[in-house]
Structure formats: structure tokens, C-alpha cells
Protein backbone atom coordinates (compact mmCIF):
# COMPACT_ATOMS: atom_id res chain seq x y z
CA MET A 1 -41.59 -69.99 -4.92
CA GLY A 2 -41.46 -71.94 -1.66
CA VAL A 3 -38.75 -72.67 0.84
CA VAL A 4 -35.13 -73.08 -0.23
CA VAL A 5 -33.09 -75.57 1.76
CA SER A 6 -31.07 -73.62 4.32
CA LEU A 7 -27.38 -74.28 4.80
CA GLU A 8 -26.85 -71.28 7.04
CA GLU A 9 -27.18 -72.90 10.46
CA GLY A 10 -23.88 -73.35 12.26
CA LYS A 11 -21.99 -71.42 9.63
CA ASN A 12 -18.39 -70.82 10.59
CA LYS A 13 -18.01 -67.05 10.74
CA GLN A 14 -14.27 -67.14 11.41
CA ALA A 15 -12.87 -68.71 8.25
CA SER A 16 -11.82 -66.06 5.75
CA VAL A 17 -9.68 -65.40 2.70
CA LYS A 18 -8.52 -62.16 4.36
CA PRO A 19 -5.11 -63.51 5.48
CA LEU A 20 -4.39 -64.58 1.89
CA VAL A 21 -5.69 -61.28 0.52
CA ASP A 22 -3.51 -59.31 2.93
CA LEU A 23 -0.37 -61.33 2.16
CA THR A 24 -0.79 -60.97 -1.61
CA ARG A 25 -2.24 -57.45 -1.70
CA ALA A 26 0.78 -55.65 -3.17
CA ASP A 27 1.36 -58.31 -5.81
CA MET A 28 -2.35 -58.48 -6.65
CA GLU A 29 -2.32 -54.76 -7.39
CA ARG A 30 0.37 -55.45 -9.96
CA VAL A 31 -1.61 -58.39 -11.31
CA ASN A 32 -4.72 -56.24 -11.64
CA GLN A 33 -2.75 -53.61 -13.56
CA LEU A 34 -1.38 -56.28 -15.89
CA ILE A 35 -4.86 -57.74 -16.37
CA LEU A 36 -6.16 -54.37 -17.56
CA SER A 37 -3.15 -53.89 -19.80
CA LYS A 38 -3.27 -57.33 -21.41
CA ALA A 39 -7.05 -57.22 -21.86
CA GLY A 40 -6.61 -54.10 -23.99
CA SER A 41 -6.93 -54.14 -27.76
CA ASP A 42 -7.51 -51.80 -30.68
CA VAL A 43 -10.59 -53.91 -31.40
CA GLN A 44 -13.07 -52.10 -29.15
CA MET A 45 -15.30 -55.05 -28.33
CA ILE A 46 -12.43 -57.10 -26.84
CA PRO A 47 -11.74 -54.91 -23.79
CA GLU A 48 -15.48 -54.24 -23.39
CA VAL A 49 -16.33 -57.94 -23.13
CA ALA A 50 -13.23 -58.88 -21.13
CA ASN A 51 -13.58 -56.07 -18.61
CA HIS A 52 -17.29 -56.82 -18.13
CA LEU A 53 -16.35 -60.15 -16.57
CA ILE A 54 -12.95 -59.23 -15.13
CA SER A 55 -14.44 -56.33 -13.16
CA SER A 56 -17.49 -58.24 -11.92
CA GLY A 57 -16.25 -58.85 -8.39
CA GLY A 58 -14.73 -62.32 -8.25
CA LYS A 59 -12.32 -63.02 -5.40
CA ARG A 60 -9.45 -63.92 -7.77
CA LEU A 61 -8.57 -66.82 -5.55
CA ARG A 62 -6.64 -68.71 -8.22
CA PRO A 63 -4.04 -66.01 -8.97
CA MET A 64 -3.65 -65.43 -5.23
CA LEU A 65 -2.72 -69.11 -4.89
CA THR A 66 0.05 -68.59 -7.46
CA LEU A 67 1.37 -65.49 -5.70
CA ALA A 68 1.26 -67.05 -2.23
CA SER A 69 2.82 -70.34 -3.30
CA ALA A 70 5.74 -68.48 -4.91
CA ALA A 71 6.26 -66.13 -1.96
CA MET A 72 6.02 -69.05 0.46
CA PHE A 73 9.40 -70.24 -0.83
CA GLY A 74 11.10 -66.87 -1.07
CA TYR A 75 10.66 -66.20 -4.79
CA GLN A 76 12.05 -62.75 -5.64
CA GLY A 77 11.54 -62.36 -9.40
CA GLU A 78 8.74 -60.98 -11.58
CA GLY A 79 7.47 -64.20 -13.11
CA HIS A 80 4.81 -64.83 -10.49
CA ILE A 81 2.94 -61.68 -11.59
CA LYS A 82 2.68 -62.85 -15.20
CA LEU A 83 1.83 -66.41 -14.21
CA ALA A 84 -0.88 -65.23 -11.81
CA THR A 85 -2.32 -63.04 -14.58
CA SER A 86 -2.18 -66.01 -16.97
CA VAL A 87 -4.09 -68.10 -14.44
CA GLU A 88 -6.79 -65.44 -14.15
CA PHE A 89 -7.06 -65.16 -17.94
CA LEU A 90 -7.41 -68.94 -18.27
CA HIS A 91 -10.18 -68.81 -15.67
CA THR A 92 -11.93 -65.84 -17.31
CA ALA A 93 -11.78 -67.47 -20.75
CA THR A 94 -13.30 -70.62 -19.27
CA LEU A 95 -16.16 -68.61 -17.75
CA LEU A 96 -16.88 -66.88 -21.07
CA HIS A 97 -16.97 -70.24 -22.83
CA ASP A 98 -18.96 -71.89 -20.00
CA ASP A 99 -21.72 -69.31 -20.18
CA VAL A 100 -22.15 -69.96 -23.89
CA VAL A 101 -22.21 -73.74 -23.48
CA ASP A 102 -24.56 -73.56 -20.47
CA GLU A 103 -26.71 -70.79 -22.02
CA SER A 104 -26.38 -68.88 -18.73
CA ASP A 105 -28.05 -65.51 -18.26
CA LEU A 106 -26.33 -64.41 -15.04
CA ARG A 107 -22.73 -64.48 -13.81
CA ARG A 108 -21.92 -63.03 -10.37
CA GLY A 109 -25.25 -61.23 -10.32
CA LYS A 110 -24.75 -59.50 -13.68
CA SER A 111 -25.91 -60.32 -17.18
CA THR A 112 -23.43 -62.63 -18.86
CA ALA A 113 -21.33 -61.32 -21.73
CA ARG A 114 -23.22 -63.54 -24.15
CA MET A 115 -26.48 -61.85 -23.16
CA ILE A 116 -25.01 -58.43 -24.00
CA TRP A 117 -22.66 -59.08 -26.92
CA GLY A 118 -23.76 -62.51 -28.13
CA ASN A 119 -22.28 -65.99 -28.16
CA GLN A 120 -19.77 -65.40 -30.94
CA ALA A 121 -18.16 -62.42 -29.24
CA SER A 122 -17.98 -64.28 -25.92
CA VAL A 123 -16.21 -67.27 -27.46
CA LEU A 124 -13.79 -65.17 -29.49
CA VAL A 125 -12.85 -62.86 -26.61
CA GLY A 126 -12.28 -65.97 -24.50
CA ASP A 127 -9.91 -67.18 -27.22
CA PHE A 128 -8.13 -63.80 -27.17
CA LEU A 129 -7.58 -64.07 -23.41
CA LEU A 130 -6.21 -67.61 -23.83
CA GLY A 131 -3.75 -66.29 -26.40
CA GLN A 132 -2.65 -63.51 -24.05
CA ALA A 133 -2.25 -66.01 -21.22
CA PHE A 134 0.07 -68.18 -23.27
CA ARG A 135 2.12 -65.18 -24.41
CA MET A 136 2.75 -64.25 -20.76
CA MET A 137 3.66 -67.84 -19.87
CA VAL A 138 6.27 -67.85 -22.63
CA GLU A 139 7.65 -64.49 -21.42
CA VAL A 140 8.29 -65.99 -17.97
CA GLY A 141 10.68 -68.45 -19.58
CA SER A 142 9.88 -71.52 -17.45
CA LEU A 143 9.14 -74.55 -19.60
CA ASP A 144 7.90 -76.43 -16.53
CA ALA A 145 5.40 -73.69 -15.67
CA LEU A 146 4.31 -73.48 -19.32
CA ASP A 147 3.85 -77.27 -19.36
CA VAL A 148 1.72 -77.23 -16.20
CA LEU A 149 -0.57 -74.38 -17.28
CA SER A 150 -0.92 -75.50 -20.90
CA SER A 151 -1.74 -79.03 -19.74
CA ALA A 152 -4.36 -77.61 -17.39
CA SER A 153 -5.88 -75.67 -20.28
CA ALA A 154 -6.26 -78.87 -22.31
CA VAL A 155 -7.72 -80.74 -19.33
CA ILE A 156 -10.29 -77.97 -18.74
CA ALA A 157 -11.43 -78.26 -22.36
CA GLU A 158 -11.70 -82.04 -21.95
CA GLY A 159 -13.82 -81.48 -18.86
CA GLU A 160 -16.17 -79.24 -20.83
CA VAL A 161 -16.64 -81.93 -23.47
CA LEU A 162 -17.09 -84.61 -20.82
CA GLN A 163 -19.76 -82.50 -19.13
CA LEU A 164 -21.58 -82.20 -22.44
CA SER A 165 -21.46 -85.97 -22.90
CA VAL A 166 -23.13 -86.63 -19.53
CA ALA A 167 -25.51 -83.64 -19.54
CA LYS A 168 -29.13 -84.51 -18.75
CA LYS A 169 -28.28 -88.21 -18.35
CA MET A 170 -29.58 -89.56 -15.07
CA GLU A 171 -27.29 -92.61 -15.27
CA THR A 172 -24.30 -90.30 -14.66
CA THR A 173 -22.28 -91.82 -11.81
CA GLU A 174 -20.52 -90.05 -8.98
CA ASP A 175 -17.24 -91.04 -10.61
CA ASP A 176 -18.34 -89.38 -13.87
CA TYR A 177 -19.26 -86.24 -11.95
CA LEU A 178 -15.95 -86.17 -10.09
CA SER A 179 -14.11 -86.56 -13.40
CA VAL A 180 -15.93 -83.50 -14.72
CA ILE A 181 -15.21 -81.24 -11.75
CA ARG A 182 -11.64 -82.50 -11.45
CA ALA A 183 -11.05 -81.39 -15.03
CA LYS A 184 -13.24 -78.26 -15.19
CA THR A 185 -12.41 -76.72 -11.81
CA ALA A 186 -9.77 -78.55 -9.80
CA ALA A 187 -7.15 -78.77 -12.57
CA LEU A 188 -6.73 -74.99 -12.67
CA PHE A 189 -6.56 -74.73 -8.87
CA ALA A 190 -3.82 -77.39 -8.95
CA ALA A 191 -1.87 -75.64 -11.70
CA ALA A 192 -2.21 -72.24 -10.03
CA ALA A 193 -0.75 -73.62 -6.79
CA GLU A 194 2.00 -75.64 -8.51
CA VAL A 195 3.56 -72.96 -10.73
CA GLY A 196 4.58 -70.86 -7.71
CA PRO A 197 7.00 -73.44 -6.31
CA ILE A 198 8.15 -74.23 -9.85
CA ILE A 199 9.53 -70.74 -10.46
CA ALA A 200 10.87 -70.68 -6.88
CA ASN A 201 13.01 -73.72 -7.84
CA THR A 202 11.72 -75.95 -5.06
CA PRO A 203 12.15 -79.75 -5.02
CA ARG A 204 9.70 -81.95 -6.90
CA SER A 205 8.15 -83.07 -3.60
CA THR A 206 7.20 -79.47 -2.80
CA ARG A 207 5.66 -78.96 -6.23
CA ASN A 208 3.65 -82.15 -5.77
CA ALA A 209 2.46 -81.04 -2.34
CA LEU A 210 1.11 -77.73 -3.70
CA LYS A 211 -0.39 -79.49 -6.72
CA SER A 212 -2.23 -81.93 -4.42
CA TYR A 213 -3.34 -79.04 -2.22
CA GLY A 214 -4.76 -77.15 -5.22
CA MET A 215 -6.45 -80.19 -6.74
CA ASN A 216 -8.23 -81.15 -3.54
CA LEU A 217 -9.09 -77.54 -2.68
CA GLY A 218 -10.64 -77.23 -6.14
CA LEU A 219 -12.71 -80.38 -5.65
CA ALA A 220 -13.95 -79.13 -2.27
CA PHE A 221 -14.68 -75.69 -3.75
CA GLN A 222 -16.82 -77.08 -6.58
CA LEU A 223 -18.67 -79.54 -4.37
CA VAL A 224 -19.65 -76.67 -2.09
CA ASP A 225 -20.71 -74.57 -5.09
CA ASP A 226 -22.93 -77.40 -6.30
CA ALA A 227 -24.50 -77.75 -2.85
CA LEU A 228 -25.07 -74.00 -2.68
CA ASP A 229 -27.08 -74.12 -5.90
CA TYR A 230 -29.77 -75.93 -3.93
CA GLY A 231 -29.16 -74.41 -0.51
CA GLY A 232 -27.66 -70.95 -0.92
CA LYS A 233 -28.92 -67.46 -1.60
CA ALA A 234 -28.96 -65.74 -4.98
CA ALA A 235 -26.93 -62.85 -3.54
CA ASP A 236 -24.15 -65.24 -2.49
CA LEU A 237 -24.26 -67.34 -5.64
CA GLY A 238 -24.21 -64.56 -8.21
CA LYS A 239 -26.94 -66.49 -10.00
CA ASN A 240 -30.42 -67.77 -9.29
CA VAL A 241 -30.89 -70.62 -6.83
CA GLY A 242 -31.68 -73.75 -8.83
CA ASP A 243 -29.93 -72.66 -12.03
CA ASP A 244 -28.12 -76.00 -12.24
CA PHE A 245 -31.52 -77.73 -12.06
CA ARG A 246 -32.98 -75.51 -14.78
CA GLU A 247 -29.96 -76.12 -17.02
CA GLY A 248 -30.22 -79.89 -16.53
CA LYS A 249 -26.81 -80.16 -14.89
CA ILE A 250 -26.16 -83.46 -13.17
CA THR A 251 -24.41 -82.53 -9.93
CA LEU A 252 -23.80 -84.64 -6.84
CA PRO A 253 -26.95 -83.62 -4.88
CA ILE A 254 -29.05 -84.92 -7.80
CA ILE A 255 -26.93 -88.04 -8.35
CA LEU A 256 -27.27 -89.07 -4.71
CA SER A 257 -31.00 -88.32 -4.59
CA TRP A 258 -31.62 -90.23 -7.83
CA ARG A 259 -29.73 -93.31 -6.71
CA ARG A 260 -31.36 -93.40 -3.28
CA GLY A 261 -34.92 -92.73 -4.49
CA THR A 262 -37.89 -94.89 -5.39
CA ASP A 263 -38.88 -95.83 -8.93
CA GLU A 264 -41.54 -93.10 -8.83
CA GLU A 265 -39.00 -90.50 -7.66
CA ARG A 266 -36.52 -91.53 -10.35
CA ALA A 267 -39.27 -91.08 -12.91
CA PHE A 268 -39.66 -87.51 -11.63
CA TRP A 269 -35.94 -86.84 -12.07
CA ARG A 270 -36.05 -88.15 -15.65
CA LYS A 271 -39.02 -85.92 -16.42
CA ALA A 272 -37.35 -82.88 -14.86
CA ILE A 273 -33.75 -83.24 -15.97
CA GLU A 274 -33.89 -85.29 -19.17
CA ASN A 275 -37.12 -83.80 -20.50
CA GLY A 276 -36.44 -80.29 -19.25
CA GLU A 277 -39.58 -79.95 -17.11
CA THR A 278 -37.93 -77.56 -14.65
CA SER A 279 -40.80 -75.42 -13.42
CA ASP A 280 -40.67 -73.73 -10.02
CA GLU A 281 -43.02 -76.43 -8.78
CA ASN A 282 -40.65 -79.16 -9.93
CA LEU A 283 -37.68 -77.31 -8.42
CA GLU A 284 -39.56 -77.30 -5.13
CA LYS A 285 -40.09 -81.05 -5.40
CA ALA A 286 -36.44 -81.57 -6.30
CA LEU A 287 -35.35 -79.63 -3.22
CA GLY A 288 -37.58 -81.83 -1.10
CA LEU A 289 -36.09 -85.04 -2.52
CA ILE A 290 -32.54 -83.74 -2.12
CA THR A 291 -33.30 -82.99 1.53
CA LYS A 292 -35.05 -86.34 2.05
CA TYR A 293 -32.05 -88.33 0.83
CA GLY A 294 -29.27 -86.23 2.35
CA GLY A 295 -28.06 -84.95 -1.00
CA LEU A 296 -26.74 -81.70 0.42
CA THR A 297 -25.27 -82.97 3.67
CA ASP A 298 -23.45 -85.78 1.90
CA THR A 299 -22.16 -83.45 -0.83
CA ILE A 300 -20.75 -81.22 1.90
CA ALA A 301 -19.26 -84.27 3.63
CA ARG A 302 -17.44 -85.09 0.38
CA ALA A 303 -16.14 -81.51 0.28
CA GLU A 304 -14.86 -81.83 3.83
CA HIS A 305 -13.09 -85.05 2.84
CA TYR A 306 -11.21 -83.34 0.02
CA GLY A 307 -10.50 -80.38 2.29
CA ALA A 308 -8.83 -82.76 4.73
CA ILE A 309 -6.64 -84.14 1.93
CA ALA A 310 -5.65 -80.59 0.98
CA ARG A 311 -4.65 -79.89 4.61
CA ASP A 312 -2.58 -83.06 4.75
CA ALA A 313 -0.82 -82.10 1.52
CA LEU A 314 0.38 -78.84 3.10
CA ALA A 315 1.19 -80.33 6.52
CA PRO A 316 4.84 -81.33 5.86
CA LEU A 317 5.76 -77.90 4.42
CA PRO A 318 7.50 -75.24 6.55
CA ASP A 319 5.22 -73.33 8.89
CA GLY A 320 4.62 -69.63 8.30
CA ALA A 321 2.06 -66.99 7.41
CA HIS A 322 1.59 -68.19 3.83
CA LYS A 323 0.98 -71.79 4.88
CA GLU A 324 -1.51 -70.63 7.51
CA ALA A 325 -3.33 -68.47 4.95
CA LEU A 326 -3.54 -71.36 2.48
CA MET A 327 -4.89 -73.60 5.24
CA GLU A 328 -7.56 -71.03 6.09
CA VAL A 329 -8.66 -70.88 2.45
CA ILE A 330 -9.73 -74.51 2.80
CA ASP A 331 -11.86 -73.65 5.83
CA PHE A 332 -13.30 -70.64 4.02
CA CYS A 333 -14.34 -72.65 0.97
CA ILE A 334 -16.18 -75.21 3.08
CA SER A 335 -17.57 -72.73 5.63
CA ARG A 336 -19.72 -71.15 2.93
CA VAL A 337 -22.24 -73.86 3.77
CA ASN A 338 -21.34 -75.06 7.27
């Protein structure tokens, strides 16, 4: 195949999740132990499927947000460990279900669980992890935290259905797309960041600040991911470049290129996305149109906009190492393409 659009030039080498990783390291070790424990079952296939995805090398950013946002306000109990594990299980269950819905072959560079064990096992093990997540939420004993995470779980499912309803429809608007990623991705980031201050008994304004931070970080994160699908490297993506195109996903780079194109170019998009004509040759043409109409640069600009909102959400909170680490996560998420 030909040239892939490069997003490497000017990449910020400084931004990193390392400060957050370092601050949450001890607690994350406890979370990882609890993950392995709660993913266990006498039914052999359950830990096999769960551990296949759990051990596949994700950064576990969402549970780290829970741990950091609790520690930021001096929380001293044990609840943050169970809530962080619940957050990771919600995320893992979503990935298992996503791969079935999207018919994905690769996840983080490895064969998806559905390719190894089948769709039914992937869905059912995802359901098992959801059940374990809710058991741990109940054990923490915070109705507010349970409300936030259970609401996020329902919103994620709504986002999945909404994505199905707009799949392969070129009339999908940017607002439709933002509704999908707000539900599918950003809602869990928001919940993960909010439950920390909840169990630390902070004021409502603090909870709202972390919720806003998480929501806007999640939007920025997903926008960058969707840009990377057309401008990243397979090694970084954990999947093949152009997988969104092949699956007929309507993401912002396509929406912008479709709306800005000529009648002839829009006819190409219909043929490729709606009719499933996603050959390597057509992917090459799609990349050219996305470049021509600024689909990637404007998607990244949107991500930077939401990153700025996330920074402003944190700004009034007390300064310290945890706040600095959370700020740097924003830069890290966006610097993957800058």
C-alpha cells in the first residue's frame, strides 16, 4: 500500500503519563492483584478470555484517574482500589463487546478474544466482568459512586446503540459523532475521575470539576485516536491503519472530508463507506481526500479544544503533584499526534 498520512512531525516528546504512573504505582499494584482475583472463576474459559485482554498491555489510564483523584484530596481508605478495579472491568467489558459489534480482528496488536474463543464467549465474559464490577461498587458502600459508575455503564451501552444507528451513513453529522464518543468513551473517563473525590467527601464543586476534566479528556483522547487511524502507525495503534475505514466507521476525519468535498468525491465516500468498497486502493484515495480537506488537522484542533477545557476544569483546584500529573495526561493524549 502507498503512503500513510504522517502525524509525526513536531511531536511533543516531553508529555508523558509517567508522573501519573509514578504517583499511583503502589495503588495500581493492588488494583492489578484485585483484577486477577476478581477475573478468576471455576469456569475455565472466563479467566482465559478475561486475562487475554486484561494482560494485553493497555496503559490502564482510567483506573489511574480514579486513584489519583482520590489521593489528590487525601483519601485514606480502601474504596479507591475497588472502584479503580470496577472502572477497569467496565472498560474491559466494553472492549470485549465492542470487538464483537465491530467484528474486529486485532486489539492492541493481538488477536481479539472473539477471534480465539468466538463471539458468544466474548459477550458473556464481558457480562461476567460487568457483574464483578458492580459487586465491588456495592462493597465500597458509596451510593453516590455507585450511581455515577452505573449511570456511566448505561450511557456507554446507549453510545454503542447510537453508533450502530449511524454506522455507514454518510449523512452523520459532527454532532451525531460527538454524541457517540461522549457516550462510548468520555462518559467512563468522567466517571473514573469523579468517583475519587466522591469517596474523599469533597464538595460538589470539586466533583464537578473532576467530572468535567474526565469528560473533556475523554473527548480529546477519542478524537486523537480517530485521527491516528488515518495518520498513525500500526505498532502505536494496536490495530491496522485504516481499520475504521474498513469497518465503515463514520469518524470526524471522514465527516469533515465528506462535507467539504465535491459531488464526485461524496459519491466516492458513499461507494466506500456505505457499500463497503474498502480496498487498499480506496483507502489510499480516502487518505488523500482527508489530507486535501484538512480532516486530520481539524480533528486534532478539536481535540486541543477539549484538552483546553479539561485544563480549565482543573485550574481552580489546589496545586500539587497529582494536579500536575493530571494536567500532563492531557498533553500526553494530544501529543500522540502533534
